[in-house]
Amino acid sequence: MMKVGESAPEFTASDRERKNISLQDFNHQWLVLYFYPKDNTPGCTTEAIEFTDKLSQFQALNAQIIGISPDSIIAHGKFIDKYNLQISLLSDPEHQIAESYGVWQLKKFMGKEYMGIVRSTFLINPAGKIARIWSNVRVKNHVDTVLNQLKIESEF
C-alpha cells in the first residue's frame, strides 16, 4: 500500500475518447485519484455523481478528479452519458494501475473470495506526492471529506 509522502506511481490509461491520460498531465496541480469497483453500481454511481456535483469547487482549488476502474472504455462512456458525469474515468482492465496503488486486493462477499478493487482515494499534490489516502471508503460524505482535506492541504 502507498504511504503519505511517497511519489505517486506513474500511470497511463485511456479515457472514453481513447485519449491517453498520465499522471504527468497533472503536474503543478492537485489530483484526486479515486479507484472504484464498477460502473453503474449504487455506491460507484453516487460517488461519481457527487464528485461531478462538486467538480467546480475542486477546480477552484486547482484540482482535477480522475476515477479508475477495471471497466472498459465503452462501459465508462455509457456510464458518463447516463449520469452526465463531468469527471474523467479511466479504464484499467488489467488492473495494473490498481495494483501499483495497492488497491487490487483479496475481497470477500457472501463467503466467496475474489480479487477486486478496494474503494480508495488518493490526494496527490502538485509535486506528484501522495498527500492523503482514504482506504476502504464508505461513499456517504466521502466527497465532502476529500474536498475539505484539499482545502486544508492547499493552504500550505
Protein backbone atom coordinates (compact mmCIF):
# COMPACT_ATOMS: atom_id res chain seq x y z
CA MET A 1 0.00 0.00 0.00
CA MET A 2 1.14 3.52 -0.70
CA LYS A 3 2.15 5.90 2.08
CA VAL A 4 1.67 9.63 2.52
CA GLY A 5 4.75 11.50 1.30
CA GLU A 6 5.71 8.91 -1.33
CA SER A 7 5.77 9.72 -5.01
CA ALA A 8 2.56 8.67 -6.69
CA PRO A 9 3.11 5.80 -9.14
CA GLU A 10 3.11 6.93 -12.75
CA PHE A 11 0.20 5.70 -14.82
CA THR A 12 -1.17 5.98 -18.32
CA ALA A 13 -4.67 4.84 -19.23
CA SER A 14 -7.35 5.64 -21.80
CA ASP A 15 -10.43 7.74 -21.29
CA ARG A 16 -13.70 7.37 -23.22
CA GLU A 17 -12.24 9.11 -26.28
CA ARG A 18 -9.30 6.68 -26.24
CA LYS A 19 -7.04 9.57 -25.23
CA ASN A 20 -4.15 8.51 -23.02
CA ILE A 21 -4.11 10.28 -19.69
CA SER A 22 -1.00 10.15 -17.48
CA LEU A 23 -0.08 11.32 -14.00
CA GLN A 24 2.39 13.76 -15.54
CA ASP A 25 -0.53 15.53 -17.26
CA PHE A 26 -1.39 16.92 -13.82
CA ASN A 27 2.00 18.45 -12.95
CA HIS A 28 1.57 21.66 -10.96
CA GLN A 29 -1.98 20.90 -9.87
CA TRP A 30 -3.74 18.72 -7.33
CA LEU A 31 -5.19 15.39 -8.42
CA VAL A 32 -7.94 13.43 -6.73
CA LEU A 33 -7.38 9.89 -7.98
CA TYR A 34 -10.11 7.54 -6.89
CA PHE A 35 -10.48 3.84 -7.53
CA TYR A 36 -13.90 2.24 -7.63
CA PRO A 37 -15.12 -1.30 -8.35
CA LYS A 38 -17.70 -1.00 -11.13
CA ASP A 39 -19.73 1.44 -13.23
CA ASN A 40 -23.49 1.62 -12.65
CA THR A 41 -23.49 0.13 -9.16
CA PRO A 42 -25.14 2.11 -6.36
CA GLY A 43 -22.06 3.24 -4.41
CA CYS A 44 -19.96 3.90 -7.51
CA THR A 45 -22.76 5.89 -9.13
CA THR A 46 -23.29 8.00 -6.01
CA GLU A 47 -19.57 8.70 -5.73
CA ALA A 48 -19.21 9.71 -9.39
CA ILE A 49 -22.26 11.98 -9.26
CA GLU A 50 -21.08 13.66 -6.06
CA PHE A 51 -17.59 14.26 -7.49
CA THR A 52 -19.26 15.74 -10.59
CA ASP A 53 -21.52 17.95 -8.47
CA LYS A 54 -18.51 19.36 -6.58
CA LEU A 55 -16.13 19.50 -9.56
CA SER A 56 -16.15 23.31 -9.80
CA GLN A 57 -15.18 23.55 -6.12
CA PHE A 58 -12.25 21.17 -6.68
CA GLN A 59 -11.20 23.09 -9.80
CA ALA A 60 -11.29 26.37 -7.84
CA LEU A 61 -8.59 24.80 -5.66
CA ASN A 62 -6.51 23.83 -8.74
CA ALA A 63 -7.55 20.17 -8.58
CA GLN A 64 -8.76 17.65 -11.12
CA ILE A 65 -10.63 14.41 -10.48
CA ILE A 66 -9.92 11.06 -12.12
CA GLY A 67 -11.83 7.85 -11.44
CA ILE A 68 -10.31 4.47 -12.32
CA SER A 69 -11.97 1.07 -12.53
CA PRO A 70 -11.43 -2.15 -14.50
CA ASP A 71 -14.47 -1.35 -16.68
CA SER A 72 -13.98 -0.88 -20.41
CA ILE A 73 -13.82 2.45 -22.22
CA ILE A 74 -17.23 1.64 -23.73
CA ALA A 75 -18.76 0.96 -20.29
CA HIS A 76 -17.28 4.23 -18.99
CA GLY A 77 -18.77 6.11 -21.93
CA LYS A 78 -22.25 4.73 -21.23
CA PHE A 79 -21.87 5.49 -17.51
CA ILE A 80 -20.76 9.07 -18.22
CA ASP A 81 -23.64 9.64 -20.65
CA LYS A 82 -26.28 8.05 -18.41
CA TYR A 83 -25.45 10.32 -15.46
CA ASN A 84 -23.98 13.32 -17.32
CA LEU A 85 -20.71 12.92 -15.44
CA GLN A 86 -18.14 15.68 -15.89
CA ILE A 87 -15.17 13.88 -14.34
CA SER A 88 -12.70 11.74 -16.26
CA LEU A 89 -12.93 7.97 -15.94
CA LEU A 90 -10.02 5.80 -16.97
CA SER A 91 -10.08 2.14 -17.90
CA ASP A 92 -7.69 -0.25 -16.12
CA PRO A 93 -8.89 -3.67 -17.39
CA GLU A 94 -5.70 -5.49 -16.44
CA HIS A 95 -5.72 -3.69 -13.06
CA GLN A 96 -2.06 -2.64 -13.44
CA ILE A 97 -2.70 0.85 -12.06
CA ALA A 98 -4.81 -0.54 -9.23
CA GLU A 99 -2.00 -2.94 -8.34
CA SER A 100 0.61 -0.17 -8.40
CA TYR A 101 -1.50 1.83 -5.93
CA GLY A 102 -2.14 -1.24 -3.76
CA VAL A 103 -5.92 -1.24 -4.18
CA TRP A 104 -6.27 -4.55 -6.08
CA GLN A 105 -6.83 -6.87 -3.14
CA LEU A 106 -8.49 -10.03 -1.95
CA LYS A 107 -12.12 -9.34 -1.07
CA LYS A 108 -14.90 -11.41 0.46
CA PHE A 109 -18.59 -11.32 -0.33
CA MET A 110 -21.16 -13.83 0.87
CA GLY A 111 -18.49 -16.37 1.73
CA LYS A 112 -16.69 -16.11 -1.61
CA GLU A 113 -13.18 -14.73 -2.01
CA TYR A 114 -12.11 -12.89 -5.14
CA MET A 115 -9.67 -10.21 -6.28
CA GLY A 116 -11.07 -6.74 -6.83
CA ILE A 117 -10.80 -3.02 -6.28
CA VAL A 118 -10.91 -1.81 -2.68
CA ARG A 119 -12.61 1.58 -2.99
CA SER A 120 -9.82 4.08 -2.27
CA THR A 121 -8.97 7.72 -2.93
CA PHE A 122 -5.56 9.36 -3.21
CA LEU A 123 -4.97 13.09 -2.97
CA ILE A 124 -1.83 13.84 -4.98
CA ASN A 125 -0.14 17.20 -4.56
CA PRO A 126 1.23 19.37 -7.40
CA ALA A 127 4.71 17.86 -6.87
CA GLY A 128 3.36 14.36 -7.52
CA LYS A 129 3.50 13.20 -3.90
CA ILE A 130 0.71 11.43 -2.04
CA ALA A 131 -0.78 13.97 0.37
CA ARG A 132 -3.63 11.84 1.75
CA ILE A 133 -5.04 8.32 1.37
CA TRP A 134 -8.53 7.06 2.11
CA SER A 135 -8.88 3.25 2.03
CA ASN A 136 -12.00 1.11 2.28
CA VAL A 137 -14.02 4.22 1.51
CA ARG A 138 -17.63 4.49 2.56
CA VAL A 139 -19.32 6.69 -0.02
CA LYS A 140 -21.53 8.72 2.32
CA ASN A 141 -19.88 12.14 2.92
CA HIS A 142 -16.64 10.98 1.27
CA VAL A 143 -16.54 13.66 -1.44
CA ASP A 144 -17.03 16.41 1.16
CA THR A 145 -14.26 14.86 3.28
CA VAL A 146 -11.87 14.92 0.31
CA LEU A 147 -12.83 18.50 -0.59
CA ASN A 148 -12.31 19.67 2.99
CA GLN A 149 -8.92 17.97 3.16
CA LEU A 150 -7.92 19.59 -0.14
CA LYS A 151 -8.84 22.98 1.28
CA ILE A 152 -6.55 22.34 4.26
CA GLU A 153 -3.70 20.89 2.17
CA SER A 154 -3.79 23.61 -0.48
CA GLU A 155 -3.31 26.33 2.15
CA PHE A 156 0.24 25.14 2.85
